[in-house]
Structure formats: C-alpha cells, structure tokens
Amino acid sequence: MPMMRMRVTASEDNTRAIINLLQSLEGIEHVEEIQDLMPHMDDDDSSSAGLTDDQGPGFHVLEIEAPNDATARKVREAAEALAFDLDAMVEFEEEDE
C-alpha cells in the first residue's frame, strides 16, 4: 500500500478541510496529521519575535495510506484542487528508490 506524506501550508481550518476531503475518498482508511520533526527555532524573547515574517499560515505534515497507486493519484489530484481553491499550498514528499 502506498504511504504518502504531504506538507500543507495553511490555516488550521483549511488543513482540517483537506483532511476531511481525503478521508472521504473511497479506499482511504488512514489520514493523520503527524508531528513536524523539524525543530523550528522560534524564540519568544528574540528580537525578531512578532515580526510579520514570523506570522502566517501554519505548517502541517499529513500521512495518508492509499490502497493502490490509482487511489494515491486521486488523493494528489483532490488535495491539489482543494488547496488551490483555499489558497493553501500542498507539497508531496517523494519516495527515494
């Protein structure tokens, strides 16, 4: 079964909408937001704290288990279409073979 990882740059509400869409696709049994393993060096007492560059949509990592490659393609197409409509960004991690 293809295991897909997708990075989403969007608000919490828009990310939840993408998760709900993916869970509604036929054959998809597992969609989970996983912890971002990359430490972000945001320091509350930093001189740059609160600047507009530090504010913006959230960063989320989703893990999706698809039963086959055809369903994985549907996941990708559906996520990209909804992200476009929501003015969000999705990026799929490619497996190294």
Protein backbone atom coordinates (compact mmCIF):
# COMPACT_ATOMS: atom_id res chain seq x y z
CA MET A 1 0.00 0.00 0.00
CA PRO A 2 1.36 3.41 -0.91
CA MET A 3 2.09 5.58 2.12
CA MET A 4 2.06 9.25 1.20
CA ARG A 5 3.35 12.24 3.12
CA MET A 6 2.13 15.68 2.32
CA ARG A 7 3.22 19.04 3.70
CA VAL A 8 0.45 21.63 3.94
CA THR A 9 0.94 25.34 4.43
CA ALA A 10 -2.46 26.61 5.51
CA SER A 11 -4.57 27.65 8.46
CA GLU A 12 -5.90 25.05 10.90
CA ASP A 13 -9.37 25.30 9.32
CA ASN A 14 -8.10 24.84 5.77
CA THR A 15 -5.89 21.93 6.84
CA ARG A 16 -8.90 20.29 8.51
CA ALA A 17 -10.88 20.76 5.25
CA ILE A 18 -8.12 18.98 3.30
CA ILE A 19 -8.03 16.14 5.85
CA ASN A 20 -11.82 15.78 5.69
CA LEU A 21 -11.75 15.65 1.90
CA LEU A 22 -9.04 12.98 1.86
CA GLN A 23 -10.88 10.88 4.44
CA SER A 24 -13.99 10.99 2.28
CA LEU A 25 -12.23 9.46 -0.74
CA GLU A 26 -13.15 5.86 -1.42
CA GLY A 27 -10.49 3.42 -0.27
CA ILE A 28 -8.70 5.82 2.09
CA GLU A 29 -8.64 4.43 5.61
CA HIS A 30 -5.81 6.38 7.21
CA VAL A 31 -5.24 10.13 7.17
CA GLU A 32 -3.29 11.51 10.09
CA GLU A 33 -1.56 14.74 10.93
CA ILE A 34 1.86 13.78 12.21
CA GLN A 35 4.26 15.80 14.30
CA ASP A 36 6.63 18.02 12.39
CA LEU A 37 10.04 16.55 13.20
CA MET A 38 11.93 19.65 12.11
CA PRO A 39 12.64 21.87 15.11
CA HIS A 40 11.75 25.49 14.48
CA MET A 41 13.96 27.93 16.32
CA ASP A 42 11.22 30.35 17.29
CA ASP A 43 12.31 32.11 20.45
CA ASP A 44 9.68 34.22 22.23
CA ASP A 45 12.24 36.70 23.50
CA SER A 46 14.07 37.03 20.19
CA SER A 47 14.49 40.48 18.68
CA SER A 48 12.53 39.23 15.65
CA ALA A 49 9.60 37.83 17.67
CA GLY A 50 6.28 39.11 16.42
CA LEU A 51 7.54 40.41 13.09
CA THR A 52 5.30 39.83 10.09
CA ASP A 53 7.80 37.34 8.64
CA ASP A 54 7.12 35.10 11.64
CA GLN A 55 3.34 35.27 11.24
CA GLY A 56 1.34 33.43 8.67
CA PRO A 57 -0.36 30.16 7.89
CA GLY A 58 0.59 27.06 9.81
CA PHE A 59 2.75 24.23 8.61
CA HIS A 60 1.30 20.70 8.83
CA VAL A 61 2.50 17.26 7.81
CA LEU A 62 -0.11 14.68 6.82
CA GLU A 63 0.33 10.95 6.34
CA ILE A 64 -2.11 9.18 4.01
CA GLU A 65 -2.35 5.46 3.37
CA ALA A 66 -3.79 4.58 -0.04
CA PRO A 67 -4.68 1.04 -1.12
CA ASN A 68 -3.10 1.39 -4.58
CA ASP A 69 -1.38 3.78 -6.96
CA ALA A 70 -4.63 4.83 -8.67
CA THR A 71 -6.11 5.96 -5.36
CA ALA A 72 -2.85 7.71 -4.50
CA ARG A 73 -3.20 9.71 -7.74
CA LYS A 74 -6.77 10.64 -6.74
CA VAL A 75 -5.50 11.81 -3.35
CA ARG A 76 -2.90 14.00 -5.01
CA GLU A 77 -5.36 15.49 -7.52
CA ALA A 78 -8.05 16.15 -4.89
CA ALA A 79 -5.60 17.73 -2.43
CA GLU A 80 -4.08 19.98 -5.10
CA ALA A 81 -7.52 21.11 -6.35
CA LEU A 82 -8.82 21.93 -2.87
CA ALA A 83 -5.59 23.65 -1.87
CA PHE A 84 -5.87 25.85 -4.96
CA ASP A 85 -9.45 26.78 -4.01
CA LEU A 86 -8.46 27.51 -0.40
CA ASP A 87 -5.34 29.48 -1.37
CA ALA A 88 -3.22 26.95 0.51
CA MET A 89 -0.13 25.07 -0.54
CA VAL A 90 0.45 21.31 -0.60
CA GLU A 91 3.69 19.53 -1.32
CA PHE A 92 4.10 15.77 -1.57
CA GLU A 93 7.23 14.01 -0.36
CA GLU A 94 8.56 11.63 -2.97
CA GLU A 95 9.90 8.23 -2.02
CA ASP A 96 13.58 7.70 -2.80
CA GLU A 97 14.02 4.45 -4.64
